[in-house]
Amino acid sequence: MLFKSTMVVLGAKSSKGNYNGIPFDKTTIFYKADLQEGDNFVGEVGESMVWGLSDNFQKIKSLEYPLMADVTLEQVSNGSATRMIIKDLVPQKQQQQGNAPK
């Protein structure tokens, strides 16, 4: 199941290698999330979600953070647990500093 959304991307990390004979290759996106409402919660937190292979990191590493991005999310399951992954991430155009309207 696919969902479209907008998120505030706080940062990203590329991971590729081999751990105990098991290869891994991914990009992790860190994004801003609201805490649930309640007496013991207030504010926002940083959460993480996987966005494909480590090659995706190259597409966004030179951008200024935090940034707004349009994302396509997919809900996936292994039969016992459900999670969301990023299928596509498109940064929204960043305003040039010094060129902002007054």
PDB file of N, CA and C in Angstrom:
ATOM      1  N   MET A   1       0.841  -1.162   0.000  1.00  0.00           N
ATOM      2  CA  MET A   1       0.000   0.000   0.000  1.00  0.00           C
ATOM      3  C   MET A   1       0.894   1.235   0.000  1.00  0.00           C
ATOM      4  N   LEU A   2       0.640   2.157  -0.949  1.00  0.00           N
ATOM      5  CA  LEU A   2       1.449   3.360  -1.078  1.00  0.00           C
ATOM      6  C   LEU A   2       0.713   4.573  -0.529  1.00  0.00           C
ATOM      7  N   PHE A   3       1.484   5.498   0.062  1.00  0.00           N
ATOM      8  CA  PHE A   3       0.963   6.739   0.624  1.00  0.00           C
ATOM      9  C   PHE A   3       1.852   7.880   0.154  1.00  0.00           C
ATOM     10  N   LYS A   4       1.276   9.037  -0.102  1.00  0.00           N
ATOM     11  CA  LYS A   4       2.053  10.237  -0.418  1.00  0.00           C
ATOM     12  C   LYS A   4       1.983  11.170   0.780  1.00  0.00           C
ATOM     13  N   SER A   5       3.097  11.813   1.091  1.00  0.00           N
ATOM     14  CA  SER A   5       3.146  12.711   2.234  1.00  0.00           C
ATOM     15  C   SER A   5       4.267  13.724   2.027  1.00  0.00           C
ATOM     16  N   THR A   6       4.351  14.665   2.950  1.00  0.00           N
ATOM     17  CA  THR A   6       5.452  15.622   3.003  1.00  0.00           C
ATOM     18  C   THR A   6       6.111  15.455   4.360  1.00  0.00           C
ATOM     19  N   MET A   7       7.438  15.486   4.382  1.00  0.00           N
ATOM     20  CA  MET A   7       8.134  15.365   5.666  1.00  0.00           C
ATOM     21  C   MET A   7       9.278  16.351   5.752  1.00  0.00           C
ATOM     22  N   VAL A   8       9.629  16.670   6.992  1.00  0.00           N
ATOM     23  CA  VAL A   8      10.805  17.490   7.264  1.00  0.00           C
ATOM     24  C   VAL A   8      11.962  16.522   7.479  1.00  0.00           C
ATOM     25  N   VAL A   9      12.905  16.540   6.560  1.00  0.00           N
ATOM     26  CA  VAL A   9      14.071  15.660   6.644  1.00  0.00           C
ATOM     27  C   VAL A   9      15.149  16.378   7.443  1.00  0.00           C
ATOM     28  N   LEU A  10      15.564  15.762   8.545  1.00  0.00           N
ATOM     29  CA  LEU A  10      16.579  16.346   9.426  1.00  0.00           C
ATOM     30  C   LEU A  10      17.991  15.988   8.980  1.00  0.00           C
ATOM     31  N   GLY A  11      18.132  14.821   8.364  1.00  0.00           N
ATOM     32  CA  GLY A  11      19.435  14.352   7.927  1.00  0.00           C
ATOM     33  C   GLY A  11      19.325  12.983   7.299  1.00  0.00           C
ATOM     34  N   ALA A  12      20.462  12.444   6.862  1.00  0.00           N
ATOM     35  CA  ALA A  12      20.482  11.138   6.204  1.00  0.00           C
ATOM     36  C   ALA A  12      21.817  10.454   6.477  1.00  0.00           C
ATOM     37  N   LYS A  13      21.814   9.128   6.316  1.00  0.00           N
ATOM     38  CA  LYS A  13      23.029   8.346   6.553  1.00  0.00           C
ATOM     39  C   LYS A  13      23.080   7.202   5.547  1.00  0.00           C
ATOM     40  N   SER A  14      24.244   6.966   4.990  1.00  0.00           N
ATOM     41  CA  SER A  14      24.470   5.876   4.051  1.00  0.00           C
ATOM     42  C   SER A  14      25.193   4.746   4.770  1.00  0.00           C
ATOM     43  N   SER A  15      24.738   3.513   4.544  1.00  0.00           N
ATOM     44  CA  SER A  15      25.386   2.345   5.159  1.00  0.00           C
ATOM     45  C   SER A  15      25.542   1.249   4.113  1.00  0.00           C
ATOM     46  N   LYS A  16      26.773   0.789   3.939  1.00  0.00           N
ATOM     47  CA  LYS A  16      27.023  -0.298   3.003  1.00  0.00           C
ATOM     48  C   LYS A  16      28.219  -1.090   3.498  1.00  0.00           C
ATOM     49  N   GLY A  17      28.086  -2.389   3.507  1.00  0.00           N
ATOM     50  CA  GLY A  17      29.192  -3.216   3.957  1.00  0.00           C
ATOM     51  C   GLY A  17      28.760  -4.639   4.195  1.00  0.00           C
ATOM     52  N   ASN A  18      29.468  -5.266   5.132  1.00  0.00           N
ATOM     53  CA  ASN A  18      29.248  -6.670   5.443  1.00  0.00           C
ATOM     54  C   ASN A  18      29.425  -6.846   6.944  1.00  0.00           C
ATOM     55  N   TYR A  19      28.467  -7.478   7.592  1.00  0.00           N
ATOM     56  CA  TYR A  19      28.548  -7.715   9.027  1.00  0.00           C
ATOM     57  C   TYR A  19      28.337  -9.197   9.293  1.00  0.00           C
ATOM     58  N   ASN A  20      29.350  -9.862   9.816  1.00  0.00           N
ATOM     59  CA  ASN A  20      29.303 -11.307  10.087  1.00  0.00           C
ATOM     60  C   ASN A  20      28.847 -12.095   8.868  1.00  0.00           C
ATOM     61  N   GLY A  21      29.364 -11.709   7.697  1.00  0.00           N
ATOM     62  CA  GLY A  21      29.050 -12.427   6.473  1.00  0.00           C
ATOM     63  C   GLY A  21      27.717 -12.051   5.836  1.00  0.00           C
ATOM     64  N   ILE A  22      27.007 -11.088   6.430  1.00  0.00           N
ATOM     65  CA  ILE A  22      25.714 -10.667   5.885  1.00  0.00           C
ATOM     66  C   ILE A  22      25.883  -9.281   5.273  1.00  0.00           C
ATOM     67  N   PRO A  23      25.672  -9.144   3.954  1.00  0.00           N
ATOM     68  CA  PRO A  23      25.808  -7.828   3.320  1.00  0.00           C
ATOM     69  C   PRO A  23      24.646  -6.911   3.677  1.00  0.00           C
ATOM     70  N   PHE A  24      24.931  -5.609   3.757  1.00  0.00           N
ATOM     71  CA  PHE A  24      23.881  -4.608   3.960  1.00  0.00           C
ATOM     72  C   PHE A  24      24.179  -3.410   3.077  1.00  0.00           C
ATOM     73  N   ASP A  25      23.128  -2.716   2.645  1.00  0.00           N
ATOM     74  CA  ASP A  25      23.241  -1.583   1.742  1.00  0.00           C
ATOM     75  C   ASP A  25      21.945  -0.791   1.853  1.00  0.00           C
ATOM     76  N   LYS A  26      21.996   0.381   2.494  1.00  0.00           N
ATOM     77  CA  LYS A  26      20.773   1.171   2.676  1.00  0.00           C
ATOM     78  C   LYS A  26      21.091   2.626   2.935  1.00  0.00           C
ATOM     79  N   THR A  27      20.065   3.457   2.736  1.00  0.00           N
ATOM     80  CA  THR A  27      20.097   4.852   3.146  1.00  0.00           C
ATOM     81  C   THR A  27      19.034   5.025   4.217  1.00  0.00           C
ATOM     82  N   THR A  28      19.400   5.636   5.321  1.00  0.00           N
ATOM     83  CA  THR A  28      18.458   5.917   6.391  1.00  0.00           C
ATOM     84  C   THR A  28      18.170   7.411   6.399  1.00  0.00           C
ATOM     85  N   ILE A  29      16.884   7.746   6.419  1.00  0.00           N
ATOM     86  CA  ILE A  29      16.436   9.138   6.478  1.00  0.00           C
ATOM     87  C   ILE A  29      15.965   9.424   7.895  1.00  0.00           C
ATOM     88  N   PHE A  30      16.411  10.537   8.462  1.00  0.00           N
ATOM     89  CA  PHE A  30      15.961  10.975   9.780  1.00  0.00           C
ATOM     90  C   PHE A  30      14.994  12.133   9.567  1.00  0.00           C
ATOM     91  N   TYR A  31      13.802  12.026  10.148  1.00  0.00           N
ATOM     92  CA  TYR A  31      12.761  13.016   9.903  1.00  0.00           C
ATOM     93  C   TYR A  31      12.098  13.451  11.202  1.00  0.00           C
ATOM     94  N   LYS A  32      11.435  14.614  11.133  1.00  0.00           N
ATOM     95  CA  LYS A  32      10.759  15.176  12.298  1.00  0.00           C
ATOM     96  C   LYS A  32       9.381  14.544  12.440  1.00  0.00           C
ATOM     97  N   ALA A  33       9.058  14.105  13.647  1.00  0.00           N
ATOM     98  CA  ALA A  33       7.752  13.507  13.932  1.00  0.00           C
ATOM     99  C   ALA A  33       7.179  14.131  15.199  1.00  0.00           C
ATOM    100  N   ASP A  34       5.863  14.306  15.217  1.00  0.00           N
ATOM    101  CA  ASP A  34       5.190  14.811  16.410  1.00  0.00           C
ATOM    102  C   ASP A  34       5.025  13.684  17.424  1.00  0.00           C
ATOM    103  N   LEU A  35       5.197  14.012  18.685  1.00  0.00           N
ATOM    104  CA  LEU A  35       4.885  13.047  19.737  1.00  0.00           C
ATOM    105  C   LEU A  35       3.365  12.924  19.858  1.00  0.00           C
ATOM    106  N   GLN A  36       2.911  11.754  20.263  1.00  0.00           N
ATOM    107  CA  GLN A  36       1.464  11.575  20.439  1.00  0.00           C
ATOM    108  C   GLN A  36       0.951  12.487  21.541  1.00  0.00           C
ATOM    109  N   GLU A  37      -0.333  12.789  21.473  1.00  0.00           N
ATOM    110  CA  GLU A  37      -0.928  13.654  22.487  1.00  0.00           C
ATOM    111  C   GLU A  37      -1.127  12.878  23.781  1.00  0.00           C
ATOM    112  N   GLY A  38      -0.955  13.566  24.898  1.00  0.00           N
ATOM    113  CA  GLY A  38      -1.170  12.932  26.190  1.00  0.00           C
ATOM    114  C   GLY A  38      -0.525  13.727  27.298  1.00  0.00           C
ATOM    115  N   ASP A  39      -0.831  13.340  28.527  1.00  0.00           N
ATOM    116  CA  ASP A  39      -0.300  14.049  29.695  1.00  0.00           C
ATOM    117  C   ASP A  39       1.211  13.933  29.823  1.00  0.00           C
ATOM    118  N   ASN A  40       1.805  12.858  29.284  1.00  0.00           N
ATOM    119  CA  ASN A  40       3.236  12.627  29.452  1.00  0.00           C
ATOM    120  C   ASN A  40       4.044  12.872  28.187  1.00  0.00           C
ATOM    121  N   PHE A  41       3.444  13.562  27.202  1.00  0.00           N
ATOM    122  CA  PHE A  41       4.128  13.809  25.937  1.00  0.00           C
ATOM    123  C   PHE A  41       4.010  15.275  25.555  1.00  0.00           C
ATOM    124  N   VAL A  42       5.085  15.815  24.973  1.00  0.00           N
ATOM    125  CA  VAL A  42       5.047  17.181  24.475  1.00  0.00           C
ATOM    126  C   VAL A  42       6.163  17.339  23.427  1.00  0.00           C
ATOM    127  N   GLY A  43       5.872  18.038  22.352  1.00  0.00           N
ATOM    128  CA  GLY A  43       6.909  18.373  21.388  1.00  0.00           C
ATOM    129  C   GLY A  43       7.055  17.418  20.223  1.00  0.00           C
ATOM    130  N   GLU A  44       8.291  17.354  19.726  1.00  0.00           N
ATOM    131  CA  GLU A  44       8.616  16.585  18.535  1.00  0.00           C
ATOM    132  C   GLU A  44       9.842  15.721  18.791  1.00  0.00           C
ATOM    133  N   VAL A  45      10.028  14.737  17.911  1.00  0.00           N
ATOM    134  CA  VAL A  45      11.176  13.847  18.004  1.00  0.00           C
ATOM    135  C   VAL A  45      11.742  13.618  16.608  1.00  0.00           C
ATOM    136  N   GLY A  46      12.925  13.088  16.544  1.00  0.00           N
ATOM    137  CA  GLY A  46      13.519  12.644  15.291  1.00  0.00           C
ATOM    138  C   GLY A  46      13.346  11.141  15.179  1.00  0.00           C
ATOM    139  N   GLU A  47      12.804  10.693  14.070  1.00  0.00           N
ATOM    140  CA  GLU A  47      12.610   9.261  13.805  1.00  0.00           C
ATOM    141  C   GLU A  47      13.404   8.896  12.557  1.00  0.00           C
ATOM    142  N   SER A  48      13.507   7.608  12.268  1.00  0.00           N
ATOM    143  CA  SER A  48      14.234   7.181  11.077  1.00  0.00           C
ATOM    144  C   SER A  48      13.404   6.199  10.263  1.00  0.00           C
ATOM    145  N   MET A  49      13.717   6.173   8.958  1.00  0.00           N
ATOM    146  CA  MET A  49      13.041   5.287   8.034  1.00  0.00           C
ATOM    147  C   MET A  49      14.032   4.962   6.914  1.00  0.00           C
ATOM    148  N   VAL A  50      13.962   3.760   6.373  1.00  0.00           N
ATOM    149  CA  VAL A  50      14.870   3.342   5.311  1.00  0.00           C
ATOM    150  C   VAL A  50      14.370   3.845   3.964  1.00  0.00           C
ATOM    151  N   TRP A  51      15.333   4.294   3.126  1.00  0.00           N
ATOM    152  CA  TRP A  51      15.031   4.720   1.757  1.00  0.00           C
ATOM    153  C   TRP A  51      15.973   4.006   0.799  1.00  0.00           C
ATOM    154  N   GLY A  52      15.672   2.799   0.469  1.00  0.00           N
ATOM    155  CA  GLY A  52      16.419   2.053  -0.547  1.00  0.00           C
ATOM    156  C   GLY A  52      17.887   1.860  -0.247  1.00  0.00           C
ATOM    157  N   LEU A  53      18.673   1.771  -1.314  1.00  0.00           N
ATOM    158  CA  LEU A  53      20.096   1.480  -1.211  1.00  0.00           C
ATOM    159  C   LEU A  53      20.926   2.723  -0.914  1.00  0.00           C
ATOM    160  N   SER A  54      22.200   2.516  -0.602  1.00  0.00           N
ATOM    161  CA  SER A  54      23.091   3.615  -0.239  1.00  0.00           C
ATOM    162  C   SER A  54      23.280   4.612  -1.374  1.00  0.00           C
ATOM    163  N   ASP A  55      22.998   4.229  -2.612  1.00  0.00           N
ATOM    164  CA  ASP A  55      23.103   5.158  -3.747  1.00  0.00           C
ATOM    165  C   ASP A  55      22.179   6.359  -3.579  1.00  0.00           C
ATOM    166  N   ASN A  56      21.043   6.182  -2.908  1.00  0.00           N
ATOM    167  CA  ASN A  56      20.104   7.287  -2.715  1.00  0.00           C
ATOM    168  C   ASN A  56      20.724   8.435  -1.923  1.00  0.00           C
ATOM    169  N   PHE A  57      21.668   8.116  -1.050  1.00  0.00           N
ATOM    170  CA  PHE A  57      22.327   9.144  -0.243  1.00  0.00           C
ATOM    171  C   PHE A  57      23.003  10.187  -1.125  1.00  0.00           C
ATOM    172  N   GLN A  58      23.587   9.740  -2.239  1.00  0.00           N
ATOM    173  CA  GLN A  58      24.291  10.655  -3.145  1.00  0.00           C
ATOM    174  C   GLN A  58      23.359  11.714  -3.727  1.00  0.00           C
ATOM    175  N   LYS A  59      22.058  11.392  -3.854  1.00  0.00           N
ATOM    176  CA  LYS A  59      21.082  12.317  -4.433  1.00  0.00           C
ATOM    177  C   LYS A  59      20.787  13.516  -3.526  1.00  0.00           C
ATOM    178  N   ILE A  60      21.041  13.363  -2.217  1.00  0.00           N
ATOM    179  CA  ILE A  60      20.624  14.413  -1.278  1.00  0.00           C
ATOM    180  C   ILE A  60      21.729  14.900  -0.342  1.00  0.00           C
ATOM    181  N   LYS A  61      22.924  14.354  -0.453  1.00  0.00           N
ATOM    182  CA  LYS A  61      23.961  14.676   0.531  1.00  0.00           C
ATOM    183  C   LYS A  61      24.428  16.121   0.488  1.00  0.00           C
ATOM    184  N   SER A  62      24.298  16.799  -0.645  1.00  0.00           N
ATOM    185  CA  SER A  62      24.805  18.168  -0.741  1.00  0.00           C
ATOM    186  C   SER A  62      23.738  19.226  -0.449  1.00  0.00           C
ATOM    187  N   LEU A  63      22.533  18.820  -0.062  1.00  0.00           N
ATOM    188  CA  LEU A  63      21.462  19.765   0.222  1.00  0.00           C
ATOM    189  C   LEU A  63      21.607  20.351   1.622  1.00  0.00           C
ATOM    190  N   GLU A  64      20.910  21.464   1.886  1.00  0.00           N
ATOM    191  CA  GLU A  64      20.917  22.078   3.216  1.00  0.00           C
ATOM    192  C   GLU A  64      19.810  21.465   4.057  1.00  0.00           C
ATOM    193  N   TYR A  65      20.130  21.166   5.296  1.00  0.00           N
ATOM    194  CA  TYR A  65      19.167  20.527   6.213  1.00  0.00           C
ATOM    195  C   TYR A  65      18.844  21.446   7.369  1.00  0.00           C
ATOM    196  N   PRO A  66      17.632  21.330   7.925  1.00  0.00           N
ATOM    197  CA  PRO A  66      16.539  20.443   7.529  1.00  0.00           C
ATOM    198  C   PRO A  66      15.934  20.901   6.204  1.00  0.00           C
ATOM    199  N   LEU A  67      15.261  19.971   5.507  1.00  0.00           N
ATOM    200  CA  LEU A  67      14.610  20.289   4.247  1.00  0.00           C
ATOM    201  C   LEU A  67      13.235  19.637   4.182  1.00  0.00           C
ATOM    202  N   MET A  68      12.379  20.223   3.368  1.00  0.00           N
ATOM    203  CA  MET A  68      11.054  19.650   3.127  1.00  0.00           C
ATOM    204  C   MET A  68      11.159  18.733   1.915  1.00  0.00           C
ATOM    205  N   ALA A  69      10.482  17.582   1.975  1.00  0.00           N
ATOM    206  CA  ALA A  69      10.513  16.637   0.868  1.00  0.00           C
ATOM    207  C   ALA A  69       9.142  16.009   0.675  1.00  0.00           C
ATOM    208  N   ASP A  70       8.806  15.782  -0.581  1.00  0.00           N
ATOM    209  CA  ASP A  70       7.615  15.019  -0.917  1.00  0.00           C
ATOM    210  C   ASP A  70       8.044  13.555  -0.978  1.00  0.00           C
ATOM    211  N   VAL A  71       7.335  12.698  -0.266  1.00  0.00           N
ATOM    212  CA  VAL A  71       7.724  11.293  -0.191  1.00  0.00           C
ATOM    213  C   VAL A  71       6.566  10.383  -0.576  1.00  0.00           C
ATOM    214  N   THR A  72       6.939   9.240  -1.129  1.00  0.00           N
ATOM    215  CA  THR A  72       6.003   8.143  -1.341  1.00  0.00           C
ATOM    216  C   THR A  72       6.420   7.056  -0.367  1.00  0.00           C
ATOM    217  N   LEU A  73       5.505   6.674   0.501  1.00  0.00           N
ATOM    218  CA  LEU A  73       5.770   5.671   1.529  1.00  0.00           C
ATOM    219  C   LEU A  73       5.044   4.381   1.178  1.00  0.00           C
ATOM    220  N   GLU A  74       5.613   3.261   1.586  1.00  0.00           N
ATOM    221  CA  GLU A  74       4.956   1.968   1.388  1.00  0.00           C
ATOM    222  C   GLU A  74       4.891   1.239   2.724  1.00  0.00           C
ATOM    223  N   GLN A  75       3.733   0.701   3.029  1.00  0.00           N
ATOM    224  CA  GLN A  75       3.560  -0.113   4.223  1.00  0.00           C
ATOM    225  C   GLN A  75       3.867  -1.551   3.837  1.00  0.00           C
ATOM    226  N   VAL A  76       4.841  -2.161   4.541  1.00  0.00           N
ATOM    227  CA  VAL A  76       5.247  -3.539   4.260  1.00  0.00           C
ATOM    228  C   VAL A  76       5.173  -4.367   5.541  1.00  0.00           C
ATOM    229  N   SER A  77       5.114  -5.677   5.358  1.00  0.00           N
ATOM    230  CA  SER A  77       5.020  -6.575   6.509  1.00  0.00           C
ATOM    231  C   SER A  77       5.825  -7.834   6.238  1.00  0.00           C
ATOM    232  N   ASN A  78       6.344  -8.429   7.300  1.00  0.00           N
ATOM    233  CA  ASN A  78       7.011  -9.722   7.190  1.00  0.00           C
ATOM    234  C   ASN A  78       6.100 -10.843   7.695  1.00  0.00           C
ATOM    235  N   GLY A  79       4.845 -10.529   7.921  1.00  0.00           N
ATOM    236  CA  GLY A  79       3.884 -11.512   8.413  1.00  0.00           C
ATOM    237  C   GLY A  79       3.605 -11.377   9.896  1.00  0.00           C
ATOM    238  N   SER A  80       4.532 -10.734  10.622  1.00  0.00           N
ATOM    239  CA  SER A  80       4.302 -10.552  12.060  1.00  0.00           C
ATOM    240  C   SER A  80       4.442  -9.093  12.497  1.00  0.00           C
ATOM    241  N   ALA A  81       5.136  -8.285  11.706  1.00  0.00           N
ATOM    242  CA  ALA A  81       5.306  -6.873  12.052  1.00  0.00           C
ATOM    243  C   ALA A  81       5.147  -6.027  10.786  1.00  0.00           C
ATOM    244  N   THR A  82       4.595  -4.843  10.957  1.00  0.00           N
ATOM    245  CA  THR A  82       4.390  -3.912   9.847  1.00  0.00           C
ATOM    246  C   THR A  82       5.284  -2.702  10.047  1.00  0.00           C
ATOM    247  N   ARG A  83       5.825  -2.166   8.944  1.00  0.00           N
ATOM    248  CA  ARG A  83       6.639  -0.954   9.011  1.00  0.00           C
ATOM    249  C   ARG A  83       6.470  -0.169   7.719  1.00  0.00           C
ATOM    250  N   MET A  84       6.902   1.081   7.754  1.00  0.00           N
ATOM    251  CA  MET A  84       6.848   1.950   6.582  1.00  0.00           C
ATOM    252  C   MET A  84       8.259   2.115   6.023  1.00  0.00           C
ATOM    253  N   ILE A  85       8.361   2.115   4.698  1.00  0.00           N
ATOM    254  CA  ILE A  85       9.623   2.407   4.032  1.00  0.00           C
ATOM    255  C   ILE A  85       9.378   3.523   3.024  1.00  0.00           C
ATOM    256  N   ILE A  86      10.421   4.253   2.689  1.00  0.00           N
ATOM    257  CA  ILE A  86      10.333   5.312   1.693  1.00  0.00           C
ATOM    258  C   ILE A  86      10.623   4.694   0.334  1.00  0.00           C
ATOM    259  N   LYS A  87       9.692   4.850  -0.595  1.00  0.00           N
ATOM    260  CA  LYS A  87       9.873   4.370  -1.966  1.00  0.00           C
ATOM    261  C   LYS A  87      10.470   5.470  -2.841  1.00  0.00           C
ATOM    262  N   ASP A  88      10.090   6.725  -2.578  1.00  0.00           N
ATOM    263  CA  ASP A  88      10.597   7.840  -3.365  1.00  0.00           C
ATOM    264  C   ASP A  88      10.668   9.073  -2.475  1.00  0.00           C
ATOM    265  N   LEU A  89      11.690   9.879  -2.663  1.00  0.00           N
ATOM    266  CA  LEU A  89      11.872  11.113  -1.900  1.00  0.00           C
ATOM    267  C   LEU A  89      12.318  12.195  -2.870  1.00  0.00           C
ATOM    268  N   VAL A  90      11.525  13.269  -2.953  1.00  0.00           N
ATOM    269  CA  VAL A  90      11.849  14.388  -3.847  1.00  0.00           C
ATOM    270  C   VAL A  90      11.922  15.655  -3.008  1.00  0.00           C
ATOM    271  N   PRO A  91      13.131  16.202  -2.840  1.00  0.00           N
ATOM    272  CA  PRO A  91      13.255  17.450  -2.070  1.00  0.00           C
ATOM    273  C   PRO A  91      12.478  18.574  -2.744  1.00  0.00           C
ATOM    274  N   GLN A  92      11.795  19.374  -1.929  1.00  0.00           N
ATOM    275  CA  GLN A  92      11.132  20.546  -2.468  1.00  0.00           C
ATOM    276  C   GLN A  92      12.199  21.590  -2.753  1.00  0.00           C
ATOM    277  N   LYS A  93      11.925  22.484  -3.674  1.00  0.00           N
ATOM    278  CA  LYS A  93      12.922  23.501  -4.033  1.00  0.00           C
ATOM    279  C   LYS A  93      13.281  24.331  -2.816  1.00  0.00           C
ATOM    280  N   GLN A  94      14.580  24.509  -2.626  1.00  0.00           N
ATOM    281  CA  GLN A  94      15.055  25.317  -1.509  1.00  0.00           C
ATOM    282  C   GLN A  94      15.189  26.759  -1.969  1.00  0.00           C
ATOM    283  N   GLN A  95      14.815  27.679  -1.089  1.00  0.00           N
ATOM    284  CA  GLN A  95      14.955  29.097  -1.398  1.00  0.00           C
ATOM    285  C   GLN A  95      16.421  29.493  -1.313  1.00  0.00           C
ATOM    286  N   GLN A  96      16.861  30.286  -2.256  1.00  0.00           N
ATOM    287  CA  GLN A  96      18.216  30.816  -2.237  1.00  0.00           C
ATOM    288  C   GLN A  96      18.293  31.882  -1.150  1.00  0.00           C
ATOM    289  N   GLN A  97      19.303  31.827  -0.303  1.00  0.00           N
ATOM    290  CA  GLN A  97      19.457  32.854   0.729  1.00  0.00           C
ATOM    291  C   GLN A  97      19.836  34.167   0.040  1.00  0.00           C
ATOM    292  N   GLY A  98      19.249  35.243   0.519  1.00  0.00           N
ATOM    293  CA  GLY A  98      19.522  36.542  -0.052  1.00  0.00           C
ATOM    294  C   GLY A  98      18.551  36.902  -1.170  1.00  0.00           C
ATOM    295  N   ASN A  99      17.807  35.915  -1.697  1.00  0.00           N
ATOM    296  CA  ASN A  99      16.854  36.170  -2.770  1.00  0.00           C
ATOM    297  C   ASN A  99      15.421  36.088  -2.287  1.00  0.00           C
ATOM    298  N   ALA A 100      15.219  35.999  -0.990  1.00  0.00           N
ATOM    299  CA  ALA A 100      13.865  35.891  -0.456  1.00  0.00           C
ATOM    300  C   ALA A 100      13.147  37.225  -0.612  1.00  0.00           C
ATOM    301  N   PRO A 101      11.857  37.173  -0.982  1.00  0.00           N
ATOM    302  CA  PRO A 101      11.116  38.431  -1.118  1.00  0.00           C
ATOM    303  C   PRO A 101      10.977  39.147   0.215  1.00  0.00           C
ATOM    304  N   LYS A 102      10.921  40.475   0.155  1.00  0.00           N
ATOM    305  CA  LYS A 102      10.806  41.264   1.390  1.00  0.00           C
ATOM    306  C   LYS A 102       9.416  41.773   1.562  1.00  0.00           C
TER     307      LYS A 102
END
